[in-house]
């Protein structure tokens, strides 16, 4: 079943950039930027982990210069588009799913960012690092499987934004990155209630910024 997109979903980064679906221009003098995105049937845009990653992305870009970013498992390209719109010189959006790559490229073109965002279909072997910042919003099992590749693609002094897992899953993942010398710089959570208890027995989504 194709995930429903939330009608009028929108999210504002600290830099005054709005990202959303069917987004109307924000009120005011027009000084703030707007990125309009459509999932194209890929990952649902308004998911809590997308919002958490956008918040961490805004913080990361505001705290120090980022020359390159990899949006790993990009889906519709939301994180990569936001980074490109905020002036990151080199942005690569990577996904193995053709549907996601088509959606990300269509969103880049629709927002006039097709010269600023490189969209690649394939695995991590298709891109060359290192990147100053790697953002990976992926399910827990995929995070565990790709941890070594994520490390390979991240600069030694670079940072990572990771999400897609819940609070009762994070300890194992944290141990993997701790062994690689990474430290937790920021942790955000979002309690997302369902009528029924999820299979993984937690309502709390987590996102990290690692250094």
N, C-alpha and C. Protein backbone atom coordinates (compact mmCIF):
# COMPACT_ATOMS: atom_id res chain seq x y z
N UNK A 1 0.85 -1.19 0.00
CA UNK A 1 0.00 0.00 0.00
C UNK A 1 0.89 1.25 0.00
N UNK A 2 0.58 2.21 -0.85
CA UNK A 2 1.34 3.45 -0.92
C UNK A 2 1.00 4.32 0.28
N UNK A 3 2.00 4.81 1.03
CA UNK A 3 1.71 5.64 2.19
C UNK A 3 0.98 6.92 1.80
N UNK A 4 0.00 7.32 2.60
CA UNK A 4 -0.69 8.58 2.37
C UNK A 4 0.21 9.74 2.73
N UNK A 5 0.17 10.76 1.90
CA UNK A 5 0.91 11.96 2.22
C UNK A 5 0.00 12.89 3.02
N UNK A 6 0.53 13.51 4.06
CA UNK A 6 -0.28 14.42 4.84
C UNK A 6 -0.62 15.66 4.04
N UNK A 7 -1.89 16.04 4.02
CA UNK A 7 -2.32 17.21 3.27
C UNK A 7 -1.75 18.46 3.91
N UNK A 8 -1.04 19.26 3.11
CA UNK A 8 -0.51 20.52 3.60
C UNK A 8 0.64 20.38 4.58
N UNK A 9 1.29 19.21 4.65
CA UNK A 9 2.41 19.07 5.57
C UNK A 9 3.49 20.08 5.26
N UNK A 10 4.07 20.67 6.32
CA UNK A 10 5.19 21.59 6.12
C UNK A 10 6.06 21.60 7.37
N UNK A 11 7.33 21.97 7.17
CA UNK A 11 8.28 22.01 8.28
C UNK A 11 9.24 23.16 8.03
N UNK A 12 9.56 23.89 9.07
CA UNK A 12 10.44 25.06 8.94
C UNK A 12 11.78 24.79 9.62
N UNK A 13 12.86 24.99 8.86
CA UNK A 13 14.19 24.92 9.43
C UNK A 13 14.54 26.25 10.07
N UNK A 14 15.53 26.24 10.93
CA UNK A 14 15.89 27.44 11.67
C UNK A 14 16.39 28.56 10.76
N UNK A 15 16.87 28.21 9.57
CA UNK A 15 17.37 29.23 8.64
C UNK A 15 16.25 29.94 7.89
N UNK A 16 14.99 29.61 8.18
CA UNK A 16 13.88 30.24 7.48
C UNK A 16 13.50 29.54 6.20
N UNK A 17 13.92 28.28 6.06
CA UNK A 17 13.57 27.49 4.88
C UNK A 17 12.36 26.61 5.22
N UNK A 18 11.32 26.72 4.39
CA UNK A 18 10.13 25.88 4.55
C UNK A 18 10.20 24.72 3.57
N UNK A 19 9.92 23.51 4.05
CA UNK A 19 9.85 22.33 3.21
C UNK A 19 8.48 21.72 3.41
N UNK A 20 7.80 21.37 2.31
CA UNK A 20 6.47 20.81 2.52
C UNK A 20 5.83 20.26 1.26
N UNK A 21 4.65 19.70 1.46
CA UNK A 21 3.84 19.09 0.41
C UNK A 21 2.62 19.96 0.21
N UNK A 22 2.37 20.39 -1.05
CA UNK A 22 1.27 21.32 -1.34
C UNK A 22 1.41 22.56 -0.46
N UNK A 23 2.62 23.07 -0.37
CA UNK A 23 2.93 24.16 0.55
C UNK A 23 2.63 25.50 -0.08
N UNK A 24 1.87 26.31 0.62
CA UNK A 24 1.61 27.67 0.19
C UNK A 24 2.72 28.59 0.70
N UNK A 25 2.96 29.71 0.01
CA UNK A 25 4.00 30.63 0.48
C UNK A 25 3.73 31.07 1.91
N UNK A 26 4.76 31.12 2.75
CA UNK A 26 4.56 31.55 4.13
C UNK A 26 4.17 33.02 4.19
N UNK A 27 3.45 33.42 5.24
CA UNK A 27 3.08 34.84 5.36
C UNK A 27 4.32 35.69 5.61
N UNK A 28 4.22 36.95 5.26
CA UNK A 28 5.35 37.84 5.49
C UNK A 28 5.80 38.52 4.22
N UNK A 29 7.06 38.93 4.22
CA UNK A 29 7.58 39.73 3.11
C UNK A 29 8.20 38.90 2.00
N UNK A 30 8.08 37.57 2.08
CA UNK A 30 8.63 36.71 1.04
C UNK A 30 10.11 36.45 1.17
N UNK A 31 10.70 36.82 2.31
CA UNK A 31 12.14 36.64 2.48
C UNK A 31 12.52 35.19 2.73
N UNK A 32 11.57 34.37 3.18
CA UNK A 32 11.88 32.99 3.48
C UNK A 32 11.74 32.12 2.23
N UNK A 33 12.59 31.08 2.15
CA UNK A 33 12.57 30.16 1.02
C UNK A 33 11.52 29.08 1.21
N UNK A 34 11.06 28.55 0.08
CA UNK A 34 10.07 27.47 0.10
C UNK A 34 10.53 26.37 -0.84
N UNK A 35 10.52 25.12 -0.36
CA UNK A 35 10.75 23.95 -1.21
C UNK A 35 9.48 23.11 -1.18
N UNK A 36 8.92 22.88 -2.36
CA UNK A 36 7.72 22.06 -2.46
C UNK A 36 8.13 20.68 -2.96
N UNK A 37 7.71 19.66 -2.23
CA UNK A 37 8.12 18.30 -2.57
C UNK A 37 6.91 17.38 -2.69
N UNK A 38 7.08 16.38 -3.55
CA UNK A 38 6.08 15.33 -3.70
C UNK A 38 6.81 14.00 -3.56
N UNK A 39 6.24 13.09 -2.81
CA UNK A 39 6.95 11.84 -2.54
C UNK A 39 7.01 10.94 -3.75
N UNK A 40 6.11 11.10 -4.71
CA UNK A 40 6.09 10.21 -5.86
C UNK A 40 5.88 8.76 -5.47
N UNK A 41 5.26 8.54 -4.31
CA UNK A 41 5.04 7.18 -3.83
C UNK A 41 6.20 6.63 -3.04
N UNK A 42 7.26 7.45 -2.83
CA UNK A 42 8.40 7.01 -2.02
C UNK A 42 8.07 7.22 -0.54
N UNK A 43 9.09 7.39 0.27
CA UNK A 43 8.90 7.50 1.72
C UNK A 43 7.96 8.64 2.06
N UNK A 44 6.99 8.45 2.98
CA UNK A 44 6.03 9.51 3.32
C UNK A 44 6.73 10.75 3.87
N UNK A 45 6.38 11.90 3.31
CA UNK A 45 7.12 13.12 3.59
C UNK A 45 6.98 13.62 5.02
N UNK A 46 5.81 13.47 5.60
CA UNK A 46 5.58 14.03 6.92
C UNK A 46 5.96 13.11 8.06
N UNK A 47 6.71 12.06 7.80
CA UNK A 47 7.07 11.11 8.84
C UNK A 47 7.88 11.80 9.95
N UNK A 48 7.68 11.40 11.20
CA UNK A 48 8.43 12.04 12.29
C UNK A 48 9.94 12.04 12.10
N UNK A 49 10.49 10.97 11.53
CA UNK A 49 11.95 10.93 11.36
C UNK A 49 12.43 11.95 10.33
N UNK A 50 11.60 12.24 9.32
CA UNK A 50 11.96 13.29 8.36
C UNK A 50 12.05 14.63 9.07
N UNK A 51 11.09 14.91 9.92
CA UNK A 51 11.08 16.18 10.65
C UNK A 51 12.28 16.29 11.60
N UNK A 52 12.57 15.20 12.29
CA UNK A 52 13.72 15.20 13.20
C UNK A 52 15.02 15.44 12.44
N UNK A 53 15.16 14.78 11.29
CA UNK A 53 16.38 14.95 10.48
C UNK A 53 16.50 16.37 9.95
N UNK A 54 15.38 16.97 9.55
CA UNK A 54 15.41 18.36 9.08
C UNK A 54 15.87 19.30 10.19
N UNK A 55 15.40 19.06 11.41
CA UNK A 55 15.84 19.90 12.53
C UNK A 55 17.34 19.76 12.77
N UNK A 56 17.83 18.53 12.75
CA UNK A 56 19.27 18.32 12.96
C UNK A 56 20.09 18.87 11.80
N UNK A 57 19.55 18.78 10.59
CA UNK A 57 20.25 19.34 9.43
C UNK A 57 20.39 20.85 9.59
N UNK A 58 19.32 21.51 9.98
CA UNK A 58 19.39 22.95 10.20
C UNK A 58 20.43 23.31 11.24
N UNK A 59 20.49 22.55 12.32
CA UNK A 59 21.48 22.80 13.37
C UNK A 59 22.90 22.56 12.86
N UNK A 60 23.08 21.46 12.14
CA UNK A 60 24.42 21.12 11.65
C UNK A 60 24.95 22.17 10.68
N UNK A 61 24.10 22.63 9.78
CA UNK A 61 24.54 23.61 8.79
C UNK A 61 24.78 24.98 9.42
N UNK A 62 24.07 25.26 10.51
CA UNK A 62 24.25 26.55 11.18
C UNK A 62 25.48 26.59 12.06
N UNK A 63 25.93 25.42 12.51
CA UNK A 63 27.01 25.38 13.51
C UNK A 63 28.40 25.52 12.91
N UNK A 64 28.59 25.04 11.68
CA UNK A 64 29.89 25.18 11.02
C UNK A 64 29.73 24.89 9.53
N UNK A 65 30.68 25.34 8.70
CA UNK A 65 30.55 25.15 7.26
C UNK A 65 30.52 23.67 6.87
N UNK A 66 29.66 23.35 5.92
CA UNK A 66 29.56 22.00 5.36
C UNK A 66 29.76 22.12 3.86
N UNK A 67 30.81 21.54 3.34
CA UNK A 67 31.12 21.64 1.91
C UNK A 67 30.48 20.54 1.09
N UNK A 68 30.15 19.42 1.74
CA UNK A 68 29.58 18.30 0.99
C UNK A 68 28.64 17.50 1.89
N UNK A 69 27.56 17.01 1.29
CA UNK A 69 26.56 16.23 2.04
C UNK A 69 26.08 15.08 1.19
N UNK A 70 25.93 13.92 1.82
CA UNK A 70 25.33 12.75 1.19
C UNK A 70 24.00 12.46 1.87
N UNK A 71 22.93 12.45 1.08
CA UNK A 71 21.60 12.04 1.56
C UNK A 71 21.44 10.58 1.17
N UNK A 72 21.75 9.69 2.12
CA UNK A 72 21.80 8.25 1.86
C UNK A 72 20.43 7.63 2.10
N UNK A 73 19.90 6.95 1.06
CA UNK A 73 18.53 6.46 1.14
C UNK A 73 17.59 7.64 1.06
N UNK A 74 17.76 8.44 0.01
CA UNK A 74 17.18 9.79 -0.04
C UNK A 74 15.67 9.84 -0.16
N UNK A 75 15.03 8.75 -0.61
CA UNK A 75 13.59 8.84 -0.83
C UNK A 75 13.29 9.94 -1.83
N UNK A 76 12.40 10.85 -1.47
CA UNK A 76 12.04 11.96 -2.36
C UNK A 76 13.07 13.08 -2.37
N UNK A 77 14.16 12.92 -1.62
CA UNK A 77 15.24 13.89 -1.66
C UNK A 77 15.11 15.07 -0.72
N UNK A 78 14.26 14.96 0.28
CA UNK A 78 13.96 16.10 1.15
C UNK A 78 15.21 16.68 1.79
N UNK A 79 16.04 15.84 2.40
CA UNK A 79 17.21 16.34 3.11
C UNK A 79 18.24 16.93 2.16
N UNK A 80 18.46 16.26 1.04
CA UNK A 80 19.39 16.78 0.05
C UNK A 80 18.93 18.10 -0.54
N UNK A 81 17.64 18.21 -0.82
CA UNK A 81 17.08 19.45 -1.35
C UNK A 81 17.26 20.59 -0.37
N UNK A 82 16.98 20.32 0.90
CA UNK A 82 17.14 21.36 1.92
C UNK A 82 18.59 21.81 2.01
N UNK A 83 19.52 20.86 1.99
CA UNK A 83 20.94 21.22 2.07
C UNK A 83 21.36 22.04 0.86
N UNK A 84 20.91 21.65 -0.33
CA UNK A 84 21.25 22.39 -1.54
C UNK A 84 20.67 23.80 -1.50
N UNK A 85 19.43 23.91 -1.05
CA UNK A 85 18.78 25.22 -0.99
C UNK A 85 19.49 26.15 -0.01
N UNK A 86 20.12 25.58 1.01
CA UNK A 86 20.83 26.38 2.00
C UNK A 86 22.29 26.60 1.64
N UNK A 87 22.67 26.22 0.42
CA UNK A 87 23.97 26.61 -0.10
C UNK A 87 25.10 25.62 0.05
N UNK A 88 24.82 24.37 0.42
CA UNK A 88 25.89 23.37 0.50
C UNK A 88 26.45 23.14 -0.90
N UNK A 89 27.75 23.32 -1.13
CA UNK A 89 28.30 23.28 -2.49
C UNK A 89 28.13 21.95 -3.21
N UNK A 90 28.34 20.84 -2.50
CA UNK A 90 28.24 19.52 -3.14
C UNK A 90 27.21 18.68 -2.39
N UNK A 91 26.13 18.31 -3.07
CA UNK A 91 25.08 17.50 -2.45
C UNK A 91 24.77 16.32 -3.36
N UNK A 92 24.82 15.12 -2.81
CA UNK A 92 24.50 13.90 -3.54
C UNK A 92 23.34 13.21 -2.83
N UNK A 93 22.32 12.85 -3.60
CA UNK A 93 21.17 12.10 -3.08
C UNK A 93 21.23 10.69 -3.68
N UNK A 94 21.27 9.68 -2.83
CA UNK A 94 21.48 8.30 -3.26
C UNK A 94 20.36 7.40 -2.77
N UNK A 95 19.85 6.55 -3.67
CA UNK A 95 18.83 5.57 -3.28
C UNK A 95 18.90 4.40 -4.25
N UNK A 96 18.55 3.22 -3.75
CA UNK A 96 18.55 2.04 -4.63
C UNK A 96 17.24 1.90 -5.39
N UNK A 97 16.20 2.61 -4.97
CA UNK A 97 14.87 2.44 -5.56
C UNK A 97 14.66 3.41 -6.73
N UNK A 98 14.33 2.91 -7.92
CA UNK A 98 14.10 3.79 -9.07
C UNK A 98 13.00 4.81 -8.80
N UNK A 99 11.95 4.41 -8.11
CA UNK A 99 10.84 5.31 -7.81
C UNK A 99 11.31 6.50 -6.97
N UNK A 100 12.16 6.23 -6.00
CA UNK A 100 12.68 7.30 -5.15
C UNK A 100 13.57 8.24 -5.95
N UNK A 101 14.43 7.70 -6.79
CA UNK A 101 15.33 8.52 -7.59
C UNK A 101 14.55 9.41 -8.55
N UNK A 102 13.51 8.86 -9.15
CA UNK A 102 12.67 9.68 -10.04
C UNK A 102 12.01 10.81 -9.26
N UNK A 103 11.51 10.51 -8.07
CA UNK A 103 10.86 11.53 -7.26
C UNK A 103 11.85 12.62 -6.84
N UNK A 104 13.04 12.21 -6.41
CA UNK A 104 14.05 13.18 -5.98
C UNK A 104 14.46 14.10 -7.13
N UNK A 105 14.64 13.52 -8.31
CA UNK A 105 15.05 14.33 -9.46
C UNK A 105 13.93 15.28 -9.88
N UNK A 106 12.68 14.80 -9.86
CA UNK A 106 11.55 15.66 -10.20
C UNK A 106 11.43 16.81 -9.20
N UNK A 107 11.67 16.53 -7.93
CA UNK A 107 11.61 17.59 -6.93
C UNK A 107 12.75 18.59 -7.10
N UNK A 108 13.93 18.10 -7.48
CA UNK A 108 15.05 19.01 -7.74
C UNK A 108 14.73 19.94 -8.91
N UNK A 109 14.19 19.37 -9.98
CA UNK A 109 13.83 20.19 -11.13
C UNK A 109 12.71 21.17 -10.79
N UNK A 110 11.72 20.69 -10.06
CA UNK A 110 10.58 21.53 -9.72
C UNK A 110 10.94 22.71 -8.84
N UNK A 111 12.03 22.60 -8.11
CA UNK A 111 12.46 23.67 -7.22
C UNK A 111 13.69 24.42 -7.74
N UNK A 112 14.06 24.16 -9.00
CA UNK A 112 15.19 24.85 -9.59
C UNK A 112 16.52 24.49 -8.95
N UNK A 113 16.62 23.26 -8.42
CA UNK A 113 17.84 22.83 -7.75
C UNK A 113 18.55 21.71 -8.50
N UNK A 114 18.17 21.48 -9.76
CA UNK A 114 18.75 20.38 -10.51
C UNK A 114 20.23 20.60 -10.83
N UNK A 115 20.72 21.84 -10.75
CA UNK A 115 22.15 22.09 -10.93
C UNK A 115 22.92 21.97 -9.61
N UNK A 116 22.19 21.89 -8.50
CA UNK A 116 22.82 21.87 -7.18
C UNK A 116 22.77 20.52 -6.50
N UNK A 117 21.99 19.60 -7.06
CA UNK A 117 21.78 18.29 -6.43
C UNK A 117 22.05 17.20 -7.45
N UNK A 118 22.96 16.30 -7.12
CA UNK A 118 23.22 15.14 -7.97
C UNK A 118 22.44 13.96 -7.40
N UNK A 119 21.61 13.35 -8.24
CA UNK A 119 20.78 12.22 -7.81
C UNK A 119 21.33 10.95 -8.43
N UNK A 120 21.60 9.94 -7.60
CA UNK A 120 22.23 8.70 -8.05
C UNK A 120 21.39 7.51 -7.62
N UNK A 121 21.16 6.59 -8.57
CA UNK A 121 20.51 5.33 -8.23
C UNK A 121 21.57 4.26 -8.04
N UNK A 122 21.54 3.60 -6.89
CA UNK A 122 22.50 2.53 -6.65
C UNK A 122 22.85 2.41 -5.18
N UNK A 123 23.82 1.56 -4.91
CA UNK A 123 24.27 1.32 -3.54
C UNK A 123 25.36 2.32 -3.15
N UNK A 124 25.87 2.18 -1.95
CA UNK A 124 26.93 3.08 -1.48
C UNK A 124 28.20 2.97 -2.31
N UNK A 125 28.36 1.88 -3.03
CA UNK A 125 29.54 1.72 -3.88
C UNK A 125 29.53 2.67 -5.07
N UNK A 126 28.37 3.30 -5.33
CA UNK A 126 28.24 4.17 -6.49
C UNK A 126 28.72 5.60 -6.24
N UNK A 127 29.04 5.92 -5.00
CA UNK A 127 29.48 7.29 -4.70
C UNK A 127 30.85 7.25 -4.02
N UNK A 128 31.55 8.34 -4.16
CA UNK A 128 32.89 8.45 -3.59
C UNK A 128 32.89 9.52 -2.51
N UNK A 129 33.35 9.17 -1.34
CA UNK A 129 33.47 10.12 -0.26
C UNK A 129 34.88 10.70 -0.21
N UNK A 130 35.25 11.30 0.89
CA UNK A 130 34.40 11.45 2.06
C UNK A 130 33.52 12.69 1.98
N UNK A 131 32.44 12.69 2.76
CA UNK A 131 31.53 13.82 2.85
C UNK A 131 31.65 14.46 4.23
N UNK A 132 31.47 15.77 4.27
CA UNK A 132 31.48 16.47 5.56
C UNK A 132 30.31 16.05 6.43
N UNK A 133 29.17 15.76 5.78
CA UNK A 133 27.97 15.40 6.52
C UNK A 133 27.24 14.31 5.75
N UNK A 134 26.91 13.22 6.43
CA UNK A 134 26.12 12.14 5.85
C UNK A 134 24.81 12.05 6.62
N UNK A 135 23.70 12.10 5.89
CA UNK A 135 22.37 11.97 6.50
C UNK A 135 21.76 10.66 6.03
N UNK A 136 21.38 9.81 6.97
CA UNK A 136 20.81 8.51 6.63
C UNK A 136 19.58 8.26 7.49
N UNK A 137 18.42 8.43 6.88
CA UNK A 137 17.14 8.16 7.56
C UNK A 137 16.65 6.81 7.04
N UNK A 138 17.06 5.75 7.73
CA UNK A 138 16.86 4.39 7.25
C UNK A 138 16.38 3.50 8.39
N UNK A 139 15.66 2.42 8.07
CA UNK A 139 15.21 1.50 9.12
C UNK A 139 16.38 0.93 9.91
N UNK A 140 16.10 0.53 11.14
CA UNK A 140 17.14 0.05 12.05
C UNK A 140 17.99 -1.05 11.44
N UNK A 141 17.36 -2.05 10.82
CA UNK A 141 18.10 -3.17 10.26
C UNK A 141 19.07 -2.70 9.18
N UNK A 142 18.64 -1.74 8.38
CA UNK A 142 19.50 -1.20 7.32
C UNK A 142 20.62 -0.37 7.93
N UNK A 143 20.31 0.39 8.97
CA UNK A 143 21.35 1.15 9.67
C UNK A 143 22.46 0.23 10.18
N UNK A 144 22.08 -0.88 10.77
CA UNK A 144 23.08 -1.82 11.30
C UNK A 144 23.92 -2.40 10.17
N UNK A 145 23.27 -2.73 9.08
CA UNK A 145 23.96 -3.34 7.93
C UNK A 145 24.93 -2.38 7.26
N UNK A 146 24.56 -1.10 7.21
CA UNK A 146 25.34 -0.13 6.45
C UNK A 146 26.28 0.72 7.31
N UNK A 147 26.36 0.44 8.59
CA UNK A 147 27.16 1.30 9.48
C UNK A 147 28.60 1.46 9.00
N UNK A 148 29.22 0.37 8.58
CA UNK A 148 30.61 0.45 8.12
C UNK A 148 30.73 1.30 6.86
N UNK A 149 29.76 1.18 5.96
CA UNK A 149 29.77 1.97 4.73
C UNK A 149 29.52 3.45 5.03
N UNK A 150 28.64 3.72 5.97
CA UNK A 150 28.39 5.11 6.36
C UNK A 150 29.67 5.73 6.92
N UNK A 151 30.38 4.98 7.74
CA UNK A 151 31.66 5.47 8.28
C UNK A 151 32.66 5.73 7.16
N UNK A 152 32.72 4.83 6.19
CA UNK A 152 33.66 4.98 5.08
C UNK A 152 33.39 6.26 4.29
N UNK A 153 32.14 6.62 4.17
CA UNK A 153 31.76 7.76 3.36
C UNK A 153 31.80 9.08 4.12
N UNK A 154 32.03 9.02 5.42
CA UNK A 154 32.04 10.22 6.24
C UNK A 154 33.48 10.64 6.53
N UNK A 155 33.79 11.91 6.36
CA UNK A 155 35.13 12.41 6.65
C UNK A 155 35.47 12.17 8.12
N UNK A 156 36.76 12.04 8.40
CA UNK A 156 37.21 11.76 9.77
C UNK A 156 36.70 12.81 10.74
N UNK A 157 36.69 14.06 10.30
CA UNK A 157 36.18 15.14 11.14
C UNK A 157 34.75 15.51 10.79
N UNK A 158 34.12 14.65 9.99
CA UNK A 158 32.75 14.92 9.56
C UNK A 158 31.73 14.50 10.59
N UNK A 159 30.45 14.68 10.22
CA UNK A 159 29.35 14.36 11.13
C UNK A 159 28.30 13.54 10.40
N UNK A 160 27.44 12.91 11.22
CA UNK A 160 26.38 12.06 10.67
C UNK A 160 25.05 12.44 11.30
N UNK A 161 24.01 12.42 10.48
CA UNK A 161 22.63 12.52 10.97
C UNK A 161 21.99 11.17 10.71
N UNK A 162 21.57 10.50 11.77
CA UNK A 162 20.99 9.16 11.65
C UNK A 162 19.61 9.13 12.28
N UNK A 163 18.65 8.49 11.58
CA UNK A 163 17.32 8.28 12.15
C UNK A 163 16.68 7.11 11.42
N UNK A 164 15.42 6.83 11.79
CA UNK A 164 14.72 5.70 11.22
C UNK A 164 14.57 4.56 12.21
N UNK A 165 15.02 4.77 13.43
CA UNK A 165 14.95 3.73 14.47
C UNK A 165 14.27 4.31 15.71
N UNK A 166 13.91 3.41 16.63
CA UNK A 166 13.21 3.82 17.85
C UNK A 166 14.12 3.73 19.07
N UNK A 167 13.62 4.25 20.17
CA UNK A 167 14.48 4.36 21.35
C UNK A 167 14.91 3.01 21.92
N UNK A 168 14.12 1.97 21.69
CA UNK A 168 14.52 0.66 22.20
C UNK A 168 15.45 -0.09 21.24
N UNK A 169 15.87 0.57 20.16
CA UNK A 169 16.79 -0.03 19.20
C UNK A 169 18.15 0.66 19.17
N UNK A 170 18.26 1.81 19.79
CA UNK A 170 19.43 2.65 19.56
C UNK A 170 20.71 2.18 20.24
N UNK A 171 20.62 1.39 21.29
CA UNK A 171 21.82 1.01 22.03
C UNK A 171 22.80 0.21 21.17
N UNK A 172 22.29 -0.75 20.41
CA UNK A 172 23.17 -1.56 19.56
C UNK A 172 23.84 -0.70 18.49
N UNK A 173 23.07 0.21 17.91
CA UNK A 173 23.63 1.08 16.87
C UNK A 173 24.66 2.03 17.47
N UNK A 174 24.38 2.54 18.65
CA UNK A 174 25.32 3.45 19.30
C UNK A 174 26.66 2.77 19.57
N UNK A 175 26.61 1.51 19.96
CA UNK A 175 27.84 0.77 20.22
C UNK A 175 28.70 0.65 18.97
N UNK A 176 28.06 0.42 17.82
CA UNK A 176 28.80 0.32 16.57
C UNK A 176 29.58 1.60 16.29
N UNK A 177 28.92 2.74 16.44
CA UNK A 177 29.57 4.00 16.12
C UNK A 177 30.54 4.44 17.22
N UNK A 178 30.28 4.04 18.45
CA UNK A 178 31.22 4.35 19.52
C UNK A 178 32.55 3.64 19.29
N UNK A 179 32.49 2.42 18.80
CA UNK A 179 33.72 1.68 18.50
C UNK A 179 34.52 2.36 17.40
N UNK A 180 33.81 3.06 16.50
CA UNK A 180 34.48 3.79 15.44
C UNK A 180 34.94 5.17 15.86
N UNK A 181 34.76 5.52 17.12
CA UNK A 181 35.23 6.80 17.63
C UNK A 181 34.23 7.93 17.52
N UNK A 182 32.99 7.61 17.17
CA UNK A 182 31.97 8.65 17.04
C UNK A 182 31.30 8.93 18.39
N UNK A 183 30.96 10.20 18.61
CA UNK A 183 30.28 10.58 19.84
C UNK A 183 28.94 11.24 19.52
N UNK A 184 28.01 11.11 20.43
CA UNK A 184 26.68 11.68 20.25
C UNK A 184 26.71 13.16 20.62
N UNK A 185 26.42 14.02 19.64
CA UNK A 185 26.41 15.46 19.87
C UNK A 185 25.01 16.00 20.16
N UNK A 186 24.01 15.34 19.59
CA UNK A 186 22.63 15.82 19.76
C UNK A 186 21.69 14.64 19.56
N UNK A 187 20.64 14.58 20.36
CA UNK A 187 19.64 13.52 20.26
C UNK A 187 18.26 14.14 20.34
N UNK A 188 17.44 13.87 19.34
CA UNK A 188 16.05 14.34 19.31
C UNK A 188 15.12 13.14 19.30
N UNK A 189 13.95 13.29 19.90
CA UNK A 189 12.95 12.22 19.91
C UNK A 189 11.59 12.78 19.52
N UNK A 190 10.74 11.87 19.05
CA UNK A 190 9.37 12.23 18.66
C UNK A 190 8.47 11.06 19.03
N UNK A 191 7.54 11.29 19.95
CA UNK A 191 6.57 10.27 20.32
C UNK A 191 5.40 10.32 19.34
N UNK A 192 5.23 9.25 18.60
CA UNK A 192 4.21 9.19 17.54
C UNK A 192 3.26 8.05 17.87
N UNK A 193 2.08 8.41 18.36
CA UNK A 193 1.13 7.42 18.86
C UNK A 193 0.33 6.76 17.75
N UNK A 194 0.11 5.46 17.92
CA UNK A 194 -0.73 4.67 17.02
C UNK A 194 -1.85 4.05 17.85
N UNK A 195 -2.96 3.68 17.20
CA UNK A 195 -4.02 2.97 17.94
C UNK A 195 -3.54 1.66 18.53
N UNK A 196 -2.59 1.02 17.85
CA UNK A 196 -2.06 -0.25 18.33
C UNK A 196 -0.56 -0.14 18.56
N UNK A 197 -0.06 -0.94 19.49
CA UNK A 197 1.37 -0.95 19.78
C UNK A 197 2.15 -1.46 18.58
N UNK A 198 3.19 -0.73 18.12
CA UNK A 198 3.98 -1.20 16.98
C UNK A 198 4.66 -2.53 17.26
N UNK A 199 5.05 -3.21 16.20
CA UNK A 199 5.70 -4.51 16.34
C UNK A 199 7.00 -4.41 17.13
N UNK A 200 7.70 -3.27 17.02
CA UNK A 200 8.95 -3.12 17.77
C UNK A 200 8.74 -2.53 19.16
N UNK A 201 7.48 -2.41 19.60
CA UNK A 201 7.12 -2.13 20.99
C UNK A 201 7.54 -0.75 21.49
N UNK A 202 7.61 0.22 20.60
CA UNK A 202 7.93 1.58 21.03
C UNK A 202 7.23 2.58 20.12
N UNK A 203 6.79 3.70 20.72
CA UNK A 203 6.19 4.79 19.96
C UNK A 203 7.19 5.92 19.70
N UNK A 204 8.40 5.79 20.20
CA UNK A 204 9.34 6.91 20.21
C UNK A 204 10.41 6.78 19.13
N UNK A 205 10.35 7.68 18.15
CA UNK A 205 11.37 7.75 17.11
C UNK A 205 12.55 8.59 17.61
N UNK A 206 13.73 8.25 17.12
CA UNK A 206 14.97 8.91 17.58
C UNK A 206 15.77 9.40 16.38
N UNK A 207 16.46 10.52 16.55
CA UNK A 207 17.42 10.99 15.55
C UNK A 207 18.67 11.47 16.27
N UNK A 208 19.82 11.20 15.67
CA UNK A 208 21.10 11.58 16.26
C UNK A 208 21.88 12.50 15.32
N UNK A 209 22.68 13.34 15.94
CA UNK A 209 23.80 14.00 15.26
C UNK A 209 25.06 13.49 15.92
N UNK A 210 25.88 12.79 15.14
CA UNK A 210 27.13 12.22 15.64
C UNK A 210 28.32 12.99 15.09
N UNK A 211 29.35 13.11 15.91
CA UNK A 211 30.59 13.74 15.46
C UNK A 211 31.77 12.82 15.62
